[in-house]
N, C-alpha and C. Protein backbone atom coordinates (compact mmCIF):
# COMPACT_ATOMS: atom_id res chain seq x y z
N MET A 1 101.84 85.42 92.57
CA MET A 1 100.99 86.34 93.29
C MET A 1 101.69 86.81 94.56
N GLN A 2 102.46 85.93 95.17
CA GLN A 2 103.21 86.32 96.37
C GLN A 2 104.21 87.42 96.02
N GLU A 3 104.89 87.30 94.87
CA GLU A 3 105.83 88.33 94.44
C GLU A 3 105.11 89.65 94.22
N GLU A 4 103.96 89.63 93.56
CA GLU A 4 103.18 90.83 93.31
C GLU A 4 102.72 91.46 94.63
N ARG A 5 102.31 90.63 95.57
CA ARG A 5 101.88 91.15 96.88
C ARG A 5 103.00 91.94 97.53
N LEU A 6 104.21 91.41 97.48
CA LEU A 6 105.35 92.10 98.11
C LEU A 6 105.71 93.39 97.38
N ILE A 7 105.50 93.42 96.07
CA ILE A 7 105.82 94.62 95.29
C ILE A 7 104.76 95.70 95.51
N TYR A 8 103.49 95.34 95.35
CA TYR A 8 102.43 96.33 95.36
C TYR A 8 101.84 96.62 96.73
N TYR A 9 101.96 95.68 97.65
CA TYR A 9 101.42 95.84 98.99
C TYR A 9 102.47 95.46 100.02
N PRO A 10 103.56 96.24 100.11
CA PRO A 10 104.67 95.84 100.98
C PRO A 10 104.31 95.78 102.46
N GLY A 11 103.33 96.52 102.91
CA GLY A 11 102.98 96.50 104.32
C GLY A 11 101.89 95.52 104.67
N LEU A 12 101.44 94.74 103.71
CA LEU A 12 100.32 93.83 103.91
C LEU A 12 100.83 92.45 104.32
N SER A 13 100.29 91.93 105.40
CA SER A 13 100.71 90.61 105.86
C SER A 13 100.14 89.52 104.96
N TRP A 14 100.77 88.36 105.01
CA TRP A 14 100.30 87.21 104.25
C TRP A 14 98.89 86.83 104.70
N GLU A 15 98.63 86.91 105.99
CA GLU A 15 97.31 86.56 106.52
C GLU A 15 96.22 87.48 105.97
N SER A 16 96.51 88.79 105.86
CA SER A 16 95.54 89.73 105.31
C SER A 16 95.28 89.44 103.83
N TRP A 17 96.34 89.08 103.11
CA TRP A 17 96.20 88.73 101.70
C TRP A 17 95.30 87.51 101.53
N VAL A 18 95.54 86.49 102.33
CA VAL A 18 94.73 85.27 102.25
C VAL A 18 93.28 85.58 102.64
N TYR A 19 93.10 86.38 103.70
CA TYR A 19 91.75 86.73 104.13
C TYR A 19 91.02 87.52 103.04
N ALA A 20 91.74 88.42 102.37
CA ALA A 20 91.13 89.18 101.26
C ALA A 20 90.70 88.24 100.14
N LEU A 21 91.55 87.28 99.80
CA LEU A 21 91.19 86.31 98.76
C LEU A 21 89.95 85.50 99.16
N LEU A 22 89.89 85.09 100.41
CA LEU A 22 88.74 84.32 100.88
C LEU A 22 87.48 85.18 100.95
N THR A 23 87.64 86.46 101.27
CA THR A 23 86.50 87.36 101.37
C THR A 23 85.94 87.69 99.99
N VAL A 24 86.81 88.09 99.07
CA VAL A 24 86.39 88.54 97.74
C VAL A 24 86.09 87.36 96.82
N GLN A 25 86.86 86.29 96.93
CA GLN A 25 86.76 85.11 96.09
C GLN A 25 86.71 85.48 94.60
N PRO A 26 87.76 86.20 94.12
CA PRO A 26 87.76 86.59 92.70
C PRO A 26 88.04 85.39 91.80
N ASP A 27 87.63 85.52 90.54
CA ASP A 27 87.99 84.50 89.56
C ASP A 27 89.48 84.60 89.31
N LEU A 28 90.16 83.48 89.40
CA LEU A 28 91.60 83.42 89.20
C LEU A 28 91.86 82.73 87.86
N TRP A 29 92.55 83.42 86.96
CA TRP A 29 92.87 82.87 85.64
C TRP A 29 94.29 82.32 85.69
N VAL A 30 94.42 81.03 85.44
CA VAL A 30 95.70 80.36 85.60
C VAL A 30 96.13 79.75 84.28
N THR A 31 97.40 80.00 83.94
CA THR A 31 98.05 79.32 82.81
C THR A 31 99.24 78.57 83.39
N GLN A 32 100.01 77.93 82.55
CA GLN A 32 101.18 77.22 83.06
C GLN A 32 102.20 78.17 83.68
N GLU A 33 102.30 79.39 83.15
CA GLU A 33 103.31 80.32 83.65
C GLU A 33 102.78 81.36 84.64
N THR A 34 101.51 81.72 84.56
CA THR A 34 101.02 82.85 85.36
C THR A 34 99.67 82.56 85.99
N ALA A 35 99.34 83.40 86.93
CA ALA A 35 98.00 83.44 87.52
C ALA A 35 97.63 84.91 87.64
N HIS A 36 96.43 85.28 87.21
CA HIS A 36 96.03 86.68 87.31
C HIS A 36 94.52 86.79 87.51
N LEU A 37 94.10 88.00 87.86
CA LEU A 37 92.70 88.30 88.07
C LEU A 37 92.17 89.10 86.89
N ASP A 38 90.89 88.94 86.57
CA ASP A 38 90.31 89.80 85.54
C ASP A 38 90.12 91.20 86.13
N GLN A 39 89.72 92.17 85.32
CA GLN A 39 89.63 93.56 85.76
C GLN A 39 88.66 93.73 86.92
N GLN A 40 87.50 93.09 86.86
CA GLN A 40 86.52 93.22 87.93
C GLN A 40 87.05 92.62 89.23
N GLY A 41 87.65 91.46 89.15
CA GLY A 41 88.23 90.83 90.33
C GLY A 41 89.36 91.64 90.91
N LEU A 42 90.18 92.23 90.04
CA LEU A 42 91.28 93.07 90.49
C LEU A 42 90.76 94.30 91.22
N GLN A 43 89.70 94.92 90.70
CA GLN A 43 89.12 96.10 91.37
C GLN A 43 88.56 95.73 92.73
N ARG A 44 87.86 94.62 92.81
CA ARG A 44 87.29 94.19 94.10
C ARG A 44 88.39 93.86 95.10
N MET A 45 89.44 93.18 94.64
CA MET A 45 90.56 92.86 95.53
C MET A 45 91.26 94.13 96.00
N THR A 46 91.45 95.08 95.09
CA THR A 46 92.13 96.32 95.45
C THR A 46 91.35 97.05 96.53
N ARG A 47 90.04 97.15 96.38
CA ARG A 47 89.22 97.81 97.40
C ARG A 47 89.35 97.10 98.75
N CYS A 48 89.32 95.79 98.71
CA CYS A 48 89.43 95.01 99.95
C CYS A 48 90.80 95.19 100.57
N LEU A 49 91.86 95.12 99.77
CA LEU A 49 93.21 95.25 100.29
C LEU A 49 93.47 96.63 100.86
N TYR A 50 92.93 97.66 100.22
CA TYR A 50 93.11 99.01 100.76
C TYR A 50 92.48 99.13 102.14
N SER A 51 91.42 98.40 102.37
CA SER A 51 90.81 98.47 103.69
C SER A 51 91.71 97.86 104.76
N TYR A 52 92.64 96.99 104.36
CA TYR A 52 93.55 96.36 105.31
C TYR A 52 94.82 97.18 105.53
N LEU A 53 95.15 98.02 104.57
CA LEU A 53 96.39 98.79 104.67
C LEU A 53 96.19 100.03 105.52
N GLN A 54 97.21 100.40 106.24
CA GLN A 54 97.22 101.71 106.89
C GLN A 54 97.57 102.72 105.80
N THR A 55 96.95 103.87 105.83
CA THR A 55 97.17 104.82 104.74
C THR A 55 98.62 105.26 104.63
N ASP A 56 99.39 105.21 105.72
CA ASP A 56 100.79 105.61 105.61
C ASP A 56 101.63 104.56 104.89
N VAL A 57 101.09 103.36 104.67
CA VAL A 57 101.81 102.32 103.94
C VAL A 57 101.66 102.52 102.44
N VAL A 58 100.59 103.19 102.03
CA VAL A 58 100.34 103.40 100.60
C VAL A 58 101.44 104.32 100.06
N GLN A 59 102.20 103.81 99.15
CA GLN A 59 103.32 104.56 98.58
C GLN A 59 102.97 105.07 97.19
N HIS A 60 103.50 106.23 96.86
CA HIS A 60 103.27 106.81 95.54
C HIS A 60 103.69 105.85 94.43
N ARG A 61 104.82 105.19 94.61
CA ARG A 61 105.31 104.27 93.57
C ARG A 61 104.39 103.06 93.41
N VAL A 62 103.72 102.68 94.48
CA VAL A 62 102.82 101.54 94.42
C VAL A 62 101.60 101.89 93.58
N LEU A 63 101.11 103.11 93.74
CA LEU A 63 99.89 103.51 93.08
C LEU A 63 100.11 103.94 91.64
N GLY A 64 101.31 104.31 91.30
CA GLY A 64 101.59 104.80 89.96
C GLY A 64 101.62 106.32 89.97
N PRO A 65 102.34 106.90 89.05
CA PRO A 65 102.54 108.34 89.09
C PRO A 65 101.27 109.17 88.88
N ARG A 66 100.28 108.66 88.19
CA ARG A 66 99.08 109.45 87.92
C ARG A 66 97.93 109.15 88.89
N SER A 67 98.09 108.15 89.73
CA SER A 67 97.01 107.79 90.65
C SER A 67 96.60 108.93 91.58
N PRO A 68 97.54 109.67 92.17
CA PRO A 68 97.11 110.78 93.02
C PRO A 68 96.29 111.81 92.27
N TYR A 69 96.66 112.09 91.02
CA TYR A 69 95.90 113.04 90.21
C TYR A 69 94.48 112.55 89.99
N PHE A 70 94.33 111.29 89.59
CA PHE A 70 93.00 110.75 89.34
C PHE A 70 92.18 110.67 90.62
N ALA A 71 92.82 110.33 91.71
CA ALA A 71 92.11 110.30 92.99
C ALA A 71 91.63 111.70 93.36
N GLN A 72 92.47 112.70 93.15
CA GLN A 72 92.07 114.07 93.44
C GLN A 72 90.89 114.48 92.57
N GLN A 73 90.90 114.09 91.31
CA GLN A 73 89.79 114.43 90.42
C GLN A 73 88.49 113.80 90.90
N LEU A 74 88.54 112.54 91.34
CA LEU A 74 87.33 111.89 91.85
C LEU A 74 86.82 112.56 93.12
N VAL A 75 87.72 112.95 93.99
CA VAL A 75 87.32 113.64 95.22
C VAL A 75 86.72 115.00 94.88
N ASN A 76 87.34 115.71 93.94
CA ASN A 76 86.79 117.01 93.53
C ASN A 76 85.41 116.86 92.91
N ARG A 77 85.21 115.82 92.08
CA ARG A 77 83.89 115.60 91.48
C ARG A 77 82.86 115.29 92.56
N GLN A 78 83.28 114.54 93.60
CA GLN A 78 82.37 114.25 94.69
C GLN A 78 81.95 115.56 95.36
N ASP A 79 82.91 116.42 95.62
CA ASP A 79 82.59 117.70 96.27
C ASP A 79 81.66 118.55 95.40
N ASP A 80 81.90 118.56 94.09
CA ASP A 80 81.01 119.30 93.18
C ASP A 80 79.60 118.72 93.23
N ALA A 81 79.50 117.39 93.24
CA ALA A 81 78.19 116.73 93.27
C ALA A 81 77.48 117.00 94.59
N ILE A 82 78.22 117.07 95.69
CA ILE A 82 77.60 117.39 96.98
C ILE A 82 77.00 118.79 96.92
N ASP A 83 77.70 119.72 96.26
CA ASP A 83 77.15 121.07 96.09
C ASP A 83 75.86 121.02 95.25
N ALA A 84 75.86 120.22 94.19
CA ALA A 84 74.69 120.11 93.32
C ALA A 84 73.53 119.38 94.01
N LEU A 85 73.86 118.54 94.96
CA LEU A 85 72.84 117.77 95.68
C LEU A 85 71.83 118.69 96.37
N ALA A 86 72.30 119.83 96.85
CA ALA A 86 71.40 120.79 97.51
C ALA A 86 70.30 121.26 96.57
N GLU A 87 70.64 121.44 95.30
CA GLU A 87 69.62 121.88 94.33
C GLU A 87 68.59 120.79 94.10
N ILE A 88 69.02 119.55 94.06
CA ILE A 88 68.08 118.45 93.87
C ILE A 88 67.21 118.30 95.12
N GLU A 89 67.81 118.47 96.29
CA GLU A 89 67.04 118.37 97.53
C GLU A 89 65.95 119.43 97.59
N ALA A 90 66.21 120.60 97.01
CA ALA A 90 65.22 121.68 97.02
C ALA A 90 63.99 121.33 96.18
N ALA A 91 64.19 120.54 95.13
CA ALA A 91 63.08 120.12 94.26
C ALA A 91 63.36 118.68 93.82
N PRO A 92 63.08 117.69 94.70
CA PRO A 92 63.48 116.31 94.44
C PRO A 92 62.97 115.70 93.13
N SER A 93 61.83 116.12 92.64
CA SER A 93 61.27 115.53 91.42
C SER A 93 61.55 116.35 90.18
N ALA A 94 62.28 117.45 90.31
CA ALA A 94 62.49 118.36 89.19
C ALA A 94 63.48 117.84 88.15
N CYS A 95 64.42 117.01 88.54
CA CYS A 95 65.41 116.54 87.56
C CYS A 95 65.05 115.15 87.07
N GLY A 96 65.57 114.83 85.89
CA GLY A 96 65.33 113.53 85.30
C GLY A 96 66.22 112.46 85.91
N PRO A 97 65.98 111.21 85.54
CA PRO A 97 66.73 110.11 86.15
C PRO A 97 68.22 110.13 85.82
N ALA A 98 68.61 110.63 84.65
CA ALA A 98 70.03 110.64 84.30
C ALA A 98 70.80 111.62 85.18
N VAL A 99 70.27 112.81 85.34
CA VAL A 99 70.94 113.82 86.18
C VAL A 99 70.92 113.37 87.63
N TYR A 100 69.79 112.85 88.07
CA TYR A 100 69.66 112.37 89.44
C TYR A 100 70.69 111.27 89.72
N GLY A 101 70.79 110.29 88.82
CA GLY A 101 71.74 109.20 88.99
C GLY A 101 73.19 109.68 88.97
N LEU A 102 73.49 110.61 88.08
CA LEU A 102 74.85 111.14 88.00
C LEU A 102 75.24 111.87 89.28
N VAL A 103 74.39 112.78 89.74
CA VAL A 103 74.71 113.58 90.93
C VAL A 103 74.77 112.71 92.17
N THR A 104 73.79 111.84 92.37
CA THR A 104 73.81 111.02 93.58
C THR A 104 74.94 110.00 93.56
N GLY A 105 75.24 109.47 92.39
CA GLY A 105 76.36 108.52 92.29
C GLY A 105 77.70 109.18 92.61
N LEU A 106 77.92 110.36 92.06
CA LEU A 106 79.17 111.08 92.35
C LEU A 106 79.21 111.56 93.80
N ALA A 107 78.07 112.01 94.32
CA ALA A 107 78.04 112.50 95.71
C ALA A 107 78.35 111.38 96.70
N ALA A 108 77.96 110.15 96.36
CA ALA A 108 78.23 109.01 97.26
C ALA A 108 79.73 108.80 97.44
N GLY A 109 80.51 109.16 96.42
CA GLY A 109 81.96 109.10 96.53
C GLY A 109 82.55 107.73 96.33
N ASP A 110 83.86 107.68 96.40
CA ASP A 110 84.63 106.46 96.21
C ASP A 110 85.67 106.42 97.33
N ILE A 111 85.50 105.50 98.27
CA ILE A 111 86.36 105.46 99.45
C ILE A 111 87.82 105.20 99.08
N ALA A 112 88.05 104.37 98.07
CA ALA A 112 89.44 104.10 97.66
C ALA A 112 90.09 105.37 97.14
N ALA A 113 89.35 106.16 96.35
CA ALA A 113 89.91 107.41 95.83
C ALA A 113 90.20 108.37 96.97
N LEU A 114 89.31 108.44 97.94
CA LEU A 114 89.52 109.33 99.07
C LEU A 114 90.76 108.92 99.88
N LEU A 115 90.94 107.63 100.11
CA LEU A 115 92.11 107.15 100.84
C LEU A 115 93.41 107.44 100.08
N VAL A 116 93.39 107.21 98.77
CA VAL A 116 94.57 107.49 97.96
C VAL A 116 94.86 108.99 97.99
N TYR A 117 93.83 109.79 97.83
CA TYR A 117 93.98 111.25 97.85
C TYR A 117 94.58 111.71 99.17
N GLN A 118 94.03 111.24 100.28
CA GLN A 118 94.53 111.66 101.58
C GLN A 118 95.95 111.17 101.83
N ALA A 119 96.27 109.97 101.35
CA ALA A 119 97.59 109.39 101.60
C ALA A 119 98.68 110.00 100.74
N THR A 120 98.32 110.55 99.59
CA THR A 120 99.34 111.03 98.65
C THR A 120 99.44 112.54 98.59
N GLU A 121 98.56 113.27 99.25
CA GLU A 121 98.64 114.72 99.28
C GLU A 121 99.44 115.13 100.50
N PRO A 122 100.67 115.61 100.33
CA PRO A 122 101.51 115.90 101.47
C PRO A 122 101.10 117.15 102.25
N GLY A 123 100.59 118.15 101.57
CA GLY A 123 100.27 119.41 102.23
C GLY A 123 98.78 119.64 102.27
N PRO A 124 98.40 120.89 102.48
CA PRO A 124 96.97 121.19 102.50
C PRO A 124 96.34 120.89 101.15
N HIS A 125 95.14 120.41 101.19
CA HIS A 125 94.44 120.07 99.96
C HIS A 125 94.03 121.35 99.24
N GLU A 126 93.83 121.25 97.94
CA GLU A 126 93.55 122.42 97.13
C GLU A 126 92.27 123.13 97.54
N ARG A 127 91.27 122.39 97.90
CA ARG A 127 89.99 123.01 98.22
C ARG A 127 90.03 123.62 99.62
N PRO A 128 89.46 124.80 99.76
CA PRO A 128 89.39 125.40 101.09
C PRO A 128 88.37 124.67 101.95
N ARG A 129 88.39 124.93 103.23
CA ARG A 129 87.40 124.40 104.16
C ARG A 129 87.39 122.87 104.18
N ASN A 130 88.57 122.26 104.32
CA ASN A 130 88.66 120.80 104.33
C ASN A 130 87.81 120.16 105.42
N ALA A 131 87.77 120.76 106.61
CA ALA A 131 86.95 120.20 107.69
C ALA A 131 85.47 120.25 107.30
N ASP A 132 85.06 121.35 106.68
CA ASP A 132 83.67 121.46 106.22
C ASP A 132 83.37 120.40 105.16
N ARG A 133 84.32 120.19 104.25
CA ARG A 133 84.13 119.17 103.20
C ARG A 133 84.05 117.77 103.80
N ALA A 134 84.87 117.50 104.78
CA ALA A 134 84.83 116.18 105.42
C ALA A 134 83.47 115.95 106.09
N ARG A 135 82.95 116.97 106.75
CA ARG A 135 81.62 116.85 107.36
C ARG A 135 80.55 116.68 106.28
N ALA A 136 80.68 117.41 105.19
CA ALA A 136 79.70 117.30 104.10
C ALA A 136 79.72 115.89 103.50
N ARG A 137 80.92 115.31 103.33
CA ARG A 137 81.02 113.95 102.79
C ARG A 137 80.40 112.94 103.76
N ALA A 138 80.63 113.15 105.05
CA ALA A 138 80.08 112.23 106.05
C ALA A 138 78.56 112.29 106.11
N ALA A 139 77.98 113.42 105.76
CA ALA A 139 76.52 113.58 105.82
C ALA A 139 75.81 113.05 104.58
N VAL A 140 76.54 112.71 103.53
CA VAL A 140 75.93 112.30 102.26
C VAL A 140 75.01 111.08 102.40
N PRO A 141 75.40 110.00 103.07
CA PRO A 141 74.48 108.84 103.12
C PRO A 141 73.09 109.21 103.68
N GLY A 142 73.05 110.00 104.73
CA GLY A 142 71.76 110.41 105.29
C GLY A 142 70.99 111.30 104.34
N ARG A 143 71.69 112.20 103.66
CA ARG A 143 71.03 113.07 102.69
C ARG A 143 70.47 112.27 101.53
N LEU A 144 71.23 111.28 101.06
CA LEU A 144 70.74 110.45 99.94
C LEU A 144 69.52 109.64 100.37
N GLN A 145 69.54 109.13 101.60
CA GLN A 145 68.40 108.38 102.12
C GLN A 145 67.16 109.27 102.16
N ALA A 146 67.30 110.48 102.68
CA ALA A 146 66.17 111.42 102.75
C ALA A 146 65.68 111.80 101.36
N LEU A 147 66.59 111.94 100.42
CA LEU A 147 66.22 112.28 99.05
C LEU A 147 65.44 111.14 98.40
N ARG A 148 65.90 109.90 98.63
CA ARG A 148 65.16 108.74 98.09
C ARG A 148 63.75 108.70 98.65
N GLU A 149 63.61 108.97 99.94
CA GLU A 149 62.28 109.00 100.55
C GLU A 149 61.43 110.12 99.96
N ALA A 150 62.04 111.30 99.76
CA ALA A 150 61.30 112.43 99.18
C ALA A 150 60.84 112.14 97.75
N ARG A 151 61.60 111.34 97.02
CA ARG A 151 61.23 110.99 95.65
C ARG A 151 60.32 109.77 95.60
N GLY A 152 60.04 109.19 96.75
CA GLY A 152 59.16 108.03 96.79
C GLY A 152 59.80 106.73 96.33
N GLU A 153 61.13 106.68 96.41
CA GLU A 153 61.85 105.48 95.97
C GLU A 153 61.91 104.48 97.12
N PRO A 154 62.03 103.19 96.81
CA PRO A 154 62.22 102.20 97.87
C PRO A 154 63.53 102.49 98.61
N THR A 155 63.48 102.39 99.92
CA THR A 155 64.66 102.74 100.72
C THR A 155 65.41 101.53 101.25
N GLY A 156 64.85 100.35 101.13
CA GLY A 156 65.54 99.16 101.60
C GLY A 156 65.38 98.91 103.08
N ASN A 157 64.63 99.73 103.76
CA ASN A 157 64.41 99.52 105.20
C ASN A 157 63.16 98.76 105.44
C-alpha cells in the first residue's frame, strides 16, 4: 500500500494517508502477497484522499488518460441538471419521483469530479459563463433544500 500511495498520490504525506485510513476505515482484503480495498472502500478512500491533496498535485498520469473526459462529462451533466432544476422549481409536484431523483441527484454534483475537471483542464472550460456556473453550483444546496420543503419532504432540520 505504501508503494501504491507513492505512485498514485505522490504529494500526499504518510500522515495524511494514515489519517484517511483511520477516518474512512475501509475493509482491507489481505492475502499472503497483497492487500487491497474493495470497490466501495476504494471509492470512499479516493474521495477522502482528494480532499487532502492540493489540486495542483493531481497529475493526469495519476488519474488515467480518460479521467479528465469523464470528469468533464459529470460536470456538464451537473450543469444541465441545474438548468432543468428551474423547471422543477416552477412546479415542484409536477414531475414523478424518477425524474425528480435524477435531476436533483445530478444537480447536487460530485466534488471529486469537479476537482479533477478543474485540475486537468489547462485552458478555459468549454462552457461559457464559468463564473456564472460556479455561482449556480454553489447555490444548489439551498435550492434543493427549498425544493424539498416545497414538495413537503422531510428536511432533516
